[in-house]
Amino acid sequence: MLLFVVLQIIQVVFPILPGGISCLAGVLLYGPWIGFVCNYIGICIGSMAAFGIARNLGRSVFEKMFSGKQIHRYEEWTKKDGKFAKLFAAAIFFPIAPDDLLCYLAGTTAMTWRQFICIILLGKPFSIAVYSLGLTKLFQLIFPPA
C-alpha cells in the first residue's frame, strides 16, 4: 500500500499518466474504500509537493512539464483580480481539470500554503471519488466479472 501511495505522489509531481488511471488502479488493487484513502493521501501529498516545487523553483519548472498552450489557458485565471483561488478550488473539486498543472501554477501565485492545503484537502475527496468509483463502474461494464 505504501508503495502505491508513493507512486501516486510521483504521478502528481511528474504527470506521465492521467490521474484517473492511477485512481482506478488504487480501487482495483485495494477495493473502493482503502483504494480511495490511498489515492487521497498520495494525490494530496503530491499536490502539495508540486505547489512547493513551483513556489521554490518558479515557473521554469512547470514550463518544462506542460505545453505552453495548456499553461496559457489556465494562466489567464491568475490575472482575474482575486478570483484565482475560487477558480482553482472549483477546478480541484471537479474531476475534469488538469490538477497537476494547476497545483504547479498555484505555486507561482500569491496563494498561501494554508489556502492551498485547505482547497486540496477539502476539494480532492469528491473528484477522487468520482474518478475512483466512476472508472471502476466503467471498468466493470467493459470487463464484467466472471
N, C-alpha and C. Protein backbone atom coordinates (compact mmCIF):
# COMPACT_ATOMS: atom_id res chain seq x y z
N MET A 1 0.82 -1.19 0.00
CA MET A 1 0.00 0.00 0.00
C MET A 1 0.86 1.26 0.00
N LEU A 2 1.89 1.24 0.82
CA LEU A 2 2.77 2.40 0.91
C LEU A 2 3.43 2.69 -0.44
N LEU A 3 3.81 1.64 -1.14
CA LEU A 3 4.40 1.81 -2.47
C LEU A 3 3.41 2.48 -3.42
N PHE A 4 2.14 2.09 -3.35
CA PHE A 4 1.13 2.69 -4.21
C PHE A 4 0.95 4.18 -3.88
N VAL A 5 0.93 4.51 -2.60
CA VAL A 5 0.81 5.93 -2.20
C VAL A 5 1.99 6.73 -2.75
N VAL A 6 3.19 6.16 -2.65
CA VAL A 6 4.38 6.83 -3.18
C VAL A 6 4.25 6.99 -4.70
N LEU A 7 3.74 5.98 -5.38
CA LEU A 7 3.54 6.10 -6.83
C LEU A 7 2.53 7.20 -7.15
N GLN A 8 1.50 7.34 -6.34
CA GLN A 8 0.52 8.42 -6.55
C GLN A 8 1.19 9.78 -6.38
N ILE A 9 2.04 9.91 -5.38
CA ILE A 9 2.76 11.16 -5.16
C ILE A 9 3.60 11.49 -6.39
N ILE A 10 4.37 10.52 -6.84
CA ILE A 10 5.23 10.70 -8.00
C ILE A 10 4.41 11.04 -9.24
N GLN A 11 3.26 10.39 -9.39
CA GLN A 11 2.39 10.61 -10.54
C GLN A 11 1.89 12.05 -10.61
N VAL A 12 1.73 12.70 -9.47
CA VAL A 12 1.31 14.10 -9.47
C VAL A 12 2.50 15.01 -9.78
N VAL A 13 3.64 14.73 -9.16
CA VAL A 13 4.82 15.58 -9.34
C VAL A 13 5.37 15.46 -10.76
N PHE A 14 5.34 14.27 -11.31
CA PHE A 14 5.78 14.02 -12.69
C PHE A 14 4.60 13.42 -13.45
N PRO A 15 3.70 14.25 -13.93
CA PRO A 15 2.45 13.74 -14.54
C PRO A 15 2.69 13.05 -15.88
N ILE A 16 2.81 11.75 -15.80
CA ILE A 16 3.01 10.96 -17.00
C ILE A 16 1.68 10.33 -17.44
N LEU A 17 0.96 9.77 -16.49
CA LEU A 17 -0.35 9.17 -16.76
C LEU A 17 -1.46 10.10 -16.29
N PRO A 18 -2.63 10.04 -16.92
CA PRO A 18 -3.77 10.78 -16.36
C PRO A 18 -4.10 10.24 -14.97
N GLY A 19 -4.42 11.15 -14.05
CA GLY A 19 -4.69 10.77 -12.67
C GLY A 19 -5.81 9.76 -12.52
N GLY A 20 -6.77 9.81 -13.43
CA GLY A 20 -7.90 8.87 -13.36
C GLY A 20 -7.46 7.42 -13.48
N ILE A 21 -6.44 7.18 -14.27
CA ILE A 21 -5.96 5.81 -14.45
C ILE A 21 -5.37 5.27 -13.15
N SER A 22 -4.57 6.09 -12.48
CA SER A 22 -3.97 5.62 -11.23
C SER A 22 -5.02 5.51 -10.13
N CYS A 23 -6.05 6.36 -10.17
CA CYS A 23 -7.15 6.23 -9.19
C CYS A 23 -7.87 4.91 -9.39
N LEU A 24 -8.11 4.55 -10.63
CA LEU A 24 -8.75 3.27 -10.93
C LEU A 24 -7.88 2.13 -10.41
N ALA A 25 -6.58 2.24 -10.62
CA ALA A 25 -5.67 1.19 -10.15
C ALA A 25 -5.77 1.02 -8.63
N GLY A 26 -5.86 2.13 -7.91
CA GLY A 26 -5.97 2.06 -6.46
C GLY A 26 -7.21 1.30 -6.01
N VAL A 27 -8.32 1.58 -6.66
CA VAL A 27 -9.57 0.91 -6.30
C VAL A 27 -9.54 -0.56 -6.70
N LEU A 28 -8.98 -0.85 -7.86
CA LEU A 28 -8.90 -2.25 -8.31
C LEU A 28 -7.95 -3.06 -7.42
N LEU A 29 -6.87 -2.44 -6.98
CA LEU A 29 -5.91 -3.15 -6.14
C LEU A 29 -6.37 -3.33 -4.69
N TYR A 30 -7.02 -2.31 -4.13
CA TYR A 30 -7.30 -2.31 -2.69
C TYR A 30 -8.78 -2.21 -2.33
N GLY A 31 -9.65 -2.16 -3.33
CA GLY A 31 -11.07 -2.03 -3.05
C GLY A 31 -11.47 -0.56 -2.97
N PRO A 32 -12.77 -0.29 -2.94
CA PRO A 32 -13.23 1.10 -3.03
C PRO A 32 -12.82 1.99 -1.85
N TRP A 33 -12.83 1.50 -0.65
CA TRP A 33 -12.56 2.36 0.50
C TRP A 33 -11.07 2.55 0.74
N ILE A 34 -10.34 1.46 0.82
CA ILE A 34 -8.89 1.59 1.05
C ILE A 34 -8.23 2.21 -0.19
N GLY A 35 -8.70 1.84 -1.35
CA GLY A 35 -8.19 2.44 -2.59
C GLY A 35 -8.41 3.95 -2.61
N PHE A 36 -9.59 4.38 -2.18
CA PHE A 36 -9.88 5.81 -2.11
C PHE A 36 -8.91 6.50 -1.15
N VAL A 37 -8.71 5.92 0.02
CA VAL A 37 -7.82 6.51 1.02
C VAL A 37 -6.39 6.60 0.48
N CYS A 38 -5.92 5.54 -0.15
CA CYS A 38 -4.57 5.55 -0.73
C CYS A 38 -4.45 6.62 -1.82
N ASN A 39 -5.47 6.69 -2.68
CA ASN A 39 -5.49 7.71 -3.72
C ASN A 39 -5.47 9.10 -3.12
N TYR A 40 -6.31 9.33 -2.13
CA TYR A 40 -6.44 10.64 -1.49
C TYR A 40 -5.12 11.08 -0.85
N ILE A 41 -4.53 10.21 -0.08
CA ILE A 41 -3.28 10.55 0.60
C ILE A 41 -2.18 10.86 -0.42
N GLY A 42 -2.00 9.97 -1.38
CA GLY A 42 -0.95 10.17 -2.38
C GLY A 42 -1.14 11.41 -3.22
N ILE A 43 -2.37 11.63 -3.67
CA ILE A 43 -2.64 12.78 -4.53
C ILE A 43 -2.51 14.09 -3.74
N CYS A 44 -2.98 14.11 -2.51
CA CYS A 44 -2.85 15.33 -1.70
C CYS A 44 -1.39 15.66 -1.42
N ILE A 45 -0.61 14.67 -1.04
CA ILE A 45 0.82 14.91 -0.78
C ILE A 45 1.52 15.33 -2.07
N GLY A 46 1.21 14.66 -3.16
CA GLY A 46 1.81 15.02 -4.45
C GLY A 46 1.43 16.44 -4.88
N SER A 47 0.18 16.82 -4.63
CA SER A 47 -0.26 18.17 -4.97
C SER A 47 0.50 19.21 -4.16
N MET A 48 0.70 18.92 -2.88
CA MET A 48 1.46 19.84 -2.03
C MET A 48 2.92 19.91 -2.48
N ALA A 49 3.47 18.79 -2.90
CA ALA A 49 4.85 18.78 -3.40
C ALA A 49 4.96 19.63 -4.67
N ALA A 50 4.00 19.48 -5.58
CA ALA A 50 4.01 20.27 -6.82
C ALA A 50 3.93 21.76 -6.51
N PHE A 51 3.05 22.13 -5.59
CA PHE A 51 2.92 23.53 -5.17
C PHE A 51 4.25 24.03 -4.60
N GLY A 52 4.85 23.23 -3.73
CA GLY A 52 6.12 23.62 -3.11
C GLY A 52 7.26 23.73 -4.11
N ILE A 53 7.31 22.82 -5.06
CA ILE A 53 8.35 22.88 -6.09
C ILE A 53 8.22 24.17 -6.89
N ALA A 54 7.01 24.48 -7.32
CA ALA A 54 6.79 25.71 -8.09
C ALA A 54 7.04 26.94 -7.24
N ARG A 55 6.66 26.88 -5.97
CA ARG A 55 6.87 28.02 -5.06
C ARG A 55 8.37 28.31 -4.93
N ASN A 56 9.17 27.25 -4.86
CA ASN A 56 10.61 27.42 -4.65
C ASN A 56 11.43 27.58 -5.92
N LEU A 57 11.00 26.94 -7.01
CA LEU A 57 11.79 26.97 -8.24
C LEU A 57 11.20 27.89 -9.32
N GLY A 58 9.95 28.30 -9.16
CA GLY A 58 9.35 29.23 -10.10
C GLY A 58 8.74 28.57 -11.33
N ARG A 59 8.35 29.40 -12.26
CA ARG A 59 7.64 28.97 -13.47
C ARG A 59 8.44 28.02 -14.35
N SER A 60 9.72 28.22 -14.40
CA SER A 60 10.52 27.45 -15.35
C SER A 60 10.34 25.95 -15.18
N VAL A 61 10.12 25.50 -13.96
CA VAL A 61 9.99 24.06 -13.71
C VAL A 61 8.74 23.50 -14.37
N PHE A 62 7.62 24.19 -14.27
CA PHE A 62 6.42 23.61 -14.86
C PHE A 62 6.27 23.96 -16.33
N GLU A 63 7.01 24.97 -16.79
CA GLU A 63 7.00 25.26 -18.23
C GLU A 63 7.67 24.14 -19.02
N LYS A 64 8.54 23.40 -18.35
CA LYS A 64 9.21 22.27 -19.00
C LYS A 64 8.33 21.02 -19.01
N MET A 65 7.31 20.99 -18.14
CA MET A 65 6.48 19.80 -17.99
C MET A 65 5.16 19.87 -18.76
N PHE A 66 4.70 21.08 -19.03
CA PHE A 66 3.39 21.25 -19.67
C PHE A 66 3.54 22.12 -20.90
N SER A 67 2.62 21.95 -21.84
CA SER A 67 2.69 22.73 -23.07
C SER A 67 2.33 24.20 -22.80
N GLY A 68 2.88 25.07 -23.61
CA GLY A 68 2.58 26.49 -23.49
C GLY A 68 1.09 26.76 -23.65
N LYS A 69 0.45 26.00 -24.50
CA LYS A 69 -0.99 26.17 -24.72
C LYS A 69 -1.77 25.86 -23.43
N GLN A 70 -1.42 24.76 -22.77
CA GLN A 70 -2.09 24.41 -21.51
C GLN A 70 -1.86 25.48 -20.45
N ILE A 71 -0.62 25.89 -20.32
CA ILE A 71 -0.29 26.89 -19.30
C ILE A 71 -1.04 28.18 -19.57
N HIS A 72 -1.01 28.64 -20.81
CA HIS A 72 -1.67 29.91 -21.16
C HIS A 72 -3.16 29.87 -20.85
N ARG A 73 -3.79 28.74 -21.11
CA ARG A 73 -5.23 28.62 -20.86
C ARG A 73 -5.58 28.89 -19.40
N TYR A 74 -4.81 28.31 -18.51
CA TYR A 74 -5.11 28.44 -17.08
C TYR A 74 -4.42 29.64 -16.44
N GLU A 75 -3.36 30.11 -17.07
CA GLU A 75 -2.66 31.28 -16.54
C GLU A 75 -3.56 32.52 -16.55
N GLU A 76 -4.50 32.54 -17.46
CA GLU A 76 -5.45 33.66 -17.51
C GLU A 76 -6.20 33.79 -16.19
N TRP A 77 -6.40 32.68 -15.50
CA TRP A 77 -7.11 32.70 -14.22
C TRP A 77 -6.36 33.55 -13.19
N THR A 78 -5.03 33.57 -13.29
CA THR A 78 -4.24 34.30 -12.30
C THR A 78 -4.36 35.81 -12.49
N LYS A 79 -4.87 36.22 -13.62
CA LYS A 79 -4.98 37.65 -13.92
C LYS A 79 -6.33 38.23 -13.53
N LYS A 80 -7.23 37.39 -13.06
CA LYS A 80 -8.55 37.86 -12.64
C LYS A 80 -8.47 38.26 -11.18
N ASP A 81 -8.67 39.53 -10.92
CA ASP A 81 -8.49 40.10 -9.58
C ASP A 81 -9.12 39.26 -8.47
N GLY A 82 -8.26 38.63 -7.69
CA GLY A 82 -8.70 37.89 -6.52
C GLY A 82 -9.57 36.67 -6.79
N LYS A 83 -9.68 36.24 -8.03
CA LYS A 83 -10.57 35.11 -8.34
C LYS A 83 -9.82 33.80 -8.55
N PHE A 84 -8.51 33.85 -8.57
CA PHE A 84 -7.77 32.61 -8.84
C PHE A 84 -8.10 31.53 -7.82
N ALA A 85 -8.13 31.87 -6.55
CA ALA A 85 -8.39 30.86 -5.51
C ALA A 85 -9.75 30.20 -5.71
N LYS A 86 -10.74 30.97 -6.09
CA LYS A 86 -12.08 30.41 -6.31
C LYS A 86 -12.10 29.51 -7.54
N LEU A 87 -11.47 29.96 -8.61
CA LEU A 87 -11.41 29.14 -9.83
C LEU A 87 -10.60 27.87 -9.59
N PHE A 88 -9.50 28.02 -8.86
CA PHE A 88 -8.66 26.87 -8.53
C PHE A 88 -9.45 25.86 -7.70
N ALA A 89 -10.16 26.34 -6.68
CA ALA A 89 -10.94 25.45 -5.83
C ALA A 89 -12.01 24.71 -6.63
N ALA A 90 -12.68 25.41 -7.52
CA ALA A 90 -13.70 24.76 -8.36
C ALA A 90 -13.07 23.69 -9.24
N ALA A 91 -11.92 24.00 -9.82
CA ALA A 91 -11.24 23.05 -10.70
C ALA A 91 -10.77 21.81 -9.93
N ILE A 92 -10.31 22.01 -8.71
CA ILE A 92 -9.85 20.88 -7.89
C ILE A 92 -11.05 20.01 -7.49
N PHE A 93 -12.17 20.63 -7.22
CA PHE A 93 -13.37 19.89 -6.81
C PHE A 93 -13.92 19.03 -7.93
N PHE A 94 -13.95 19.57 -9.15
CA PHE A 94 -14.50 18.81 -10.28
C PHE A 94 -13.39 18.01 -10.95
N PRO A 95 -13.69 16.78 -11.37
CA PRO A 95 -12.64 15.87 -11.82
C PRO A 95 -12.15 16.04 -13.26
N ILE A 96 -12.42 17.14 -13.90
CA ILE A 96 -12.03 17.26 -15.31
C ILE A 96 -10.74 18.05 -15.51
N ALA A 97 -10.45 18.99 -14.64
CA ALA A 97 -9.32 19.91 -14.83
C ALA A 97 -7.97 19.21 -14.68
N PRO A 98 -6.92 19.78 -15.28
CA PRO A 98 -5.56 19.23 -15.12
C PRO A 98 -4.97 19.67 -13.77
N ASP A 99 -5.33 18.94 -12.74
CA ASP A 99 -4.96 19.33 -11.37
C ASP A 99 -3.46 19.50 -11.19
N ASP A 100 -2.67 18.64 -11.81
CA ASP A 100 -1.21 18.71 -11.64
C ASP A 100 -0.71 20.07 -12.10
N LEU A 101 -1.09 20.46 -13.29
CA LEU A 101 -0.70 21.76 -13.83
C LEU A 101 -1.18 22.88 -12.92
N LEU A 102 -2.40 22.79 -12.45
CA LEU A 102 -2.97 23.84 -11.61
C LEU A 102 -2.23 23.95 -10.27
N CYS A 103 -1.77 22.84 -9.72
CA CYS A 103 -1.02 22.89 -8.47
C CYS A 103 0.32 23.59 -8.68
N TYR A 104 0.98 23.29 -9.79
CA TYR A 104 2.22 23.99 -10.10
C TYR A 104 1.94 25.48 -10.32
N LEU A 105 0.91 25.79 -11.08
CA LEU A 105 0.56 27.18 -11.35
C LEU A 105 0.25 27.92 -10.05
N ALA A 106 -0.51 27.29 -9.16
CA ALA A 106 -0.85 27.92 -7.88
C ALA A 106 0.41 28.27 -7.09
N GLY A 107 1.43 27.45 -7.22
CA GLY A 107 2.69 27.71 -6.52
C GLY A 107 3.40 28.96 -6.99
N THR A 108 3.02 29.46 -8.16
CA THR A 108 3.66 30.68 -8.69
C THR A 108 2.82 31.92 -8.41
N THR A 109 1.71 31.75 -7.70
CA THR A 109 0.83 32.88 -7.38
C THR A 109 1.03 33.30 -5.93
N ALA A 110 0.25 34.26 -5.51
CA ALA A 110 0.32 34.74 -4.12
C ALA A 110 -0.49 33.86 -3.16
N MET A 111 -1.07 32.77 -3.66
CA MET A 111 -1.84 31.89 -2.79
C MET A 111 -0.96 31.39 -1.64
N THR A 112 -1.52 31.41 -0.45
CA THR A 112 -0.75 30.96 0.71
C THR A 112 -0.77 29.44 0.80
N TRP A 113 0.18 28.90 1.55
CA TRP A 113 0.20 27.46 1.80
C TRP A 113 -1.09 27.02 2.48
N ARG A 114 -1.51 27.80 3.45
CA ARG A 114 -2.72 27.45 4.20
C ARG A 114 -3.94 27.37 3.29
N GLN A 115 -4.09 28.35 2.43
CA GLN A 115 -5.21 28.38 1.49
C GLN A 115 -5.13 27.19 0.54
N PHE A 116 -3.93 26.92 0.02
CA PHE A 116 -3.74 25.81 -0.90
C PHE A 116 -4.09 24.48 -0.24
N ILE A 117 -3.57 24.26 0.95
CA ILE A 117 -3.80 23.00 1.64
C ILE A 117 -5.29 22.80 1.93
N CYS A 118 -5.96 23.86 2.36
CA CYS A 118 -7.41 23.76 2.63
C CYS A 118 -8.17 23.38 1.37
N ILE A 119 -7.83 24.01 0.26
CA ILE A 119 -8.52 23.71 -1.00
C ILE A 119 -8.27 22.26 -1.41
N ILE A 120 -7.03 21.82 -1.31
CA ILE A 120 -6.69 20.44 -1.71
C ILE A 120 -7.39 19.43 -0.79
N LEU A 121 -7.25 19.61 0.52
CA LEU A 121 -7.82 18.63 1.45
C LEU A 121 -9.34 18.57 1.38
N LEU A 122 -9.98 19.70 1.15
CA LEU A 122 -11.45 19.71 1.09
C LEU A 122 -12.00 19.45 -0.31
N GLY A 123 -11.24 19.81 -1.33
CA GLY A 123 -11.74 19.66 -2.70
C GLY A 123 -11.45 18.33 -3.35
N LYS A 124 -10.37 17.70 -2.94
CA LYS A 124 -9.97 16.44 -3.58
C LYS A 124 -10.89 15.24 -3.35
N PRO A 125 -11.50 15.09 -2.19
CA PRO A 125 -12.30 13.87 -1.98
C PRO A 125 -13.36 13.63 -3.05
N PHE A 126 -14.07 14.66 -3.46
CA PHE A 126 -15.14 14.47 -4.44
C PHE A 126 -14.58 14.01 -5.78
N SER A 127 -13.56 14.71 -6.28
CA SER A 127 -13.04 14.34 -7.60
C SER A 127 -12.38 12.95 -7.57
N ILE A 128 -11.70 12.63 -6.49
CA ILE A 128 -11.09 11.29 -6.39
C ILE A 128 -12.17 10.22 -6.33
N ALA A 129 -13.24 10.48 -5.58
CA ALA A 129 -14.34 9.51 -5.51
C ALA A 129 -14.98 9.32 -6.88
N VAL A 130 -15.17 10.41 -7.61
CA VAL A 130 -15.77 10.30 -8.94
C VAL A 130 -14.87 9.48 -9.85
N TYR A 131 -13.57 9.82 -9.87
CA TYR A 131 -12.63 9.04 -10.69
C TYR A 131 -12.59 7.59 -10.24
N SER A 132 -12.39 7.39 -8.96
CA SER A 132 -12.21 6.04 -8.44
C SER A 132 -13.44 5.17 -8.67
N LEU A 133 -14.58 5.65 -8.24
CA LEU A 133 -15.78 4.83 -8.32
C LEU A 133 -16.39 4.85 -9.73
N GLY A 134 -16.34 6.00 -10.38
CA GLY A 134 -16.88 6.09 -11.73
C GLY A 134 -16.12 5.23 -12.71
N LEU A 135 -14.80 5.30 -12.65
CA LEU A 135 -13.99 4.48 -13.55
C LEU A 135 -14.08 3.00 -13.21
N THR A 136 -14.28 2.70 -11.93
CA THR A 136 -14.47 1.30 -11.54
C THR A 136 -15.73 0.75 -12.18
N LYS A 137 -16.80 1.52 -12.14
CA LYS A 137 -18.06 1.09 -12.78
C LYS A 137 -17.86 0.90 -14.28
N LEU A 138 -17.20 1.84 -14.91
CA LEU A 138 -16.94 1.74 -16.34
C LEU A 138 -16.10 0.50 -16.64
N PHE A 139 -15.07 0.27 -15.83
CA PHE A 139 -14.22 -0.90 -16.00
C PHE A 139 -15.04 -2.18 -15.88
N GLN A 140 -15.97 -2.22 -14.92
CA GLN A 140 -16.82 -3.40 -14.73
C GLN A 140 -17.78 -3.60 -15.90
N LEU A 141 -18.21 -2.52 -16.52
CA LEU A 141 -19.08 -2.63 -17.69
C LEU A 141 -18.31 -3.20 -18.89
N ILE A 142 -17.08 -2.74 -19.03
CA ILE A 142 -16.26 -3.20 -20.16
C ILE A 142 -15.74 -4.61 -19.92
N PHE A 143 -15.33 -4.89 -18.70
CA PHE A 143 -14.80 -6.21 -18.33
C PHE A 143 -15.63 -6.79 -17.19
N PRO A 144 -16.82 -7.31 -17.49
CA PRO A 144 -17.69 -7.82 -16.42
C PRO A 144 -17.03 -8.97 -15.66
N PRO A 145 -17.29 -9.02 -14.33
CA PRO A 145 -16.73 -10.12 -13.54
C PRO A 145 -17.27 -11.47 -14.06
N ALA A 146 -16.45 -12.47 -13.96
CA ALA A 146 -16.82 -13.79 -14.48
C ALA A 146 -17.92 -14.45 -13.67
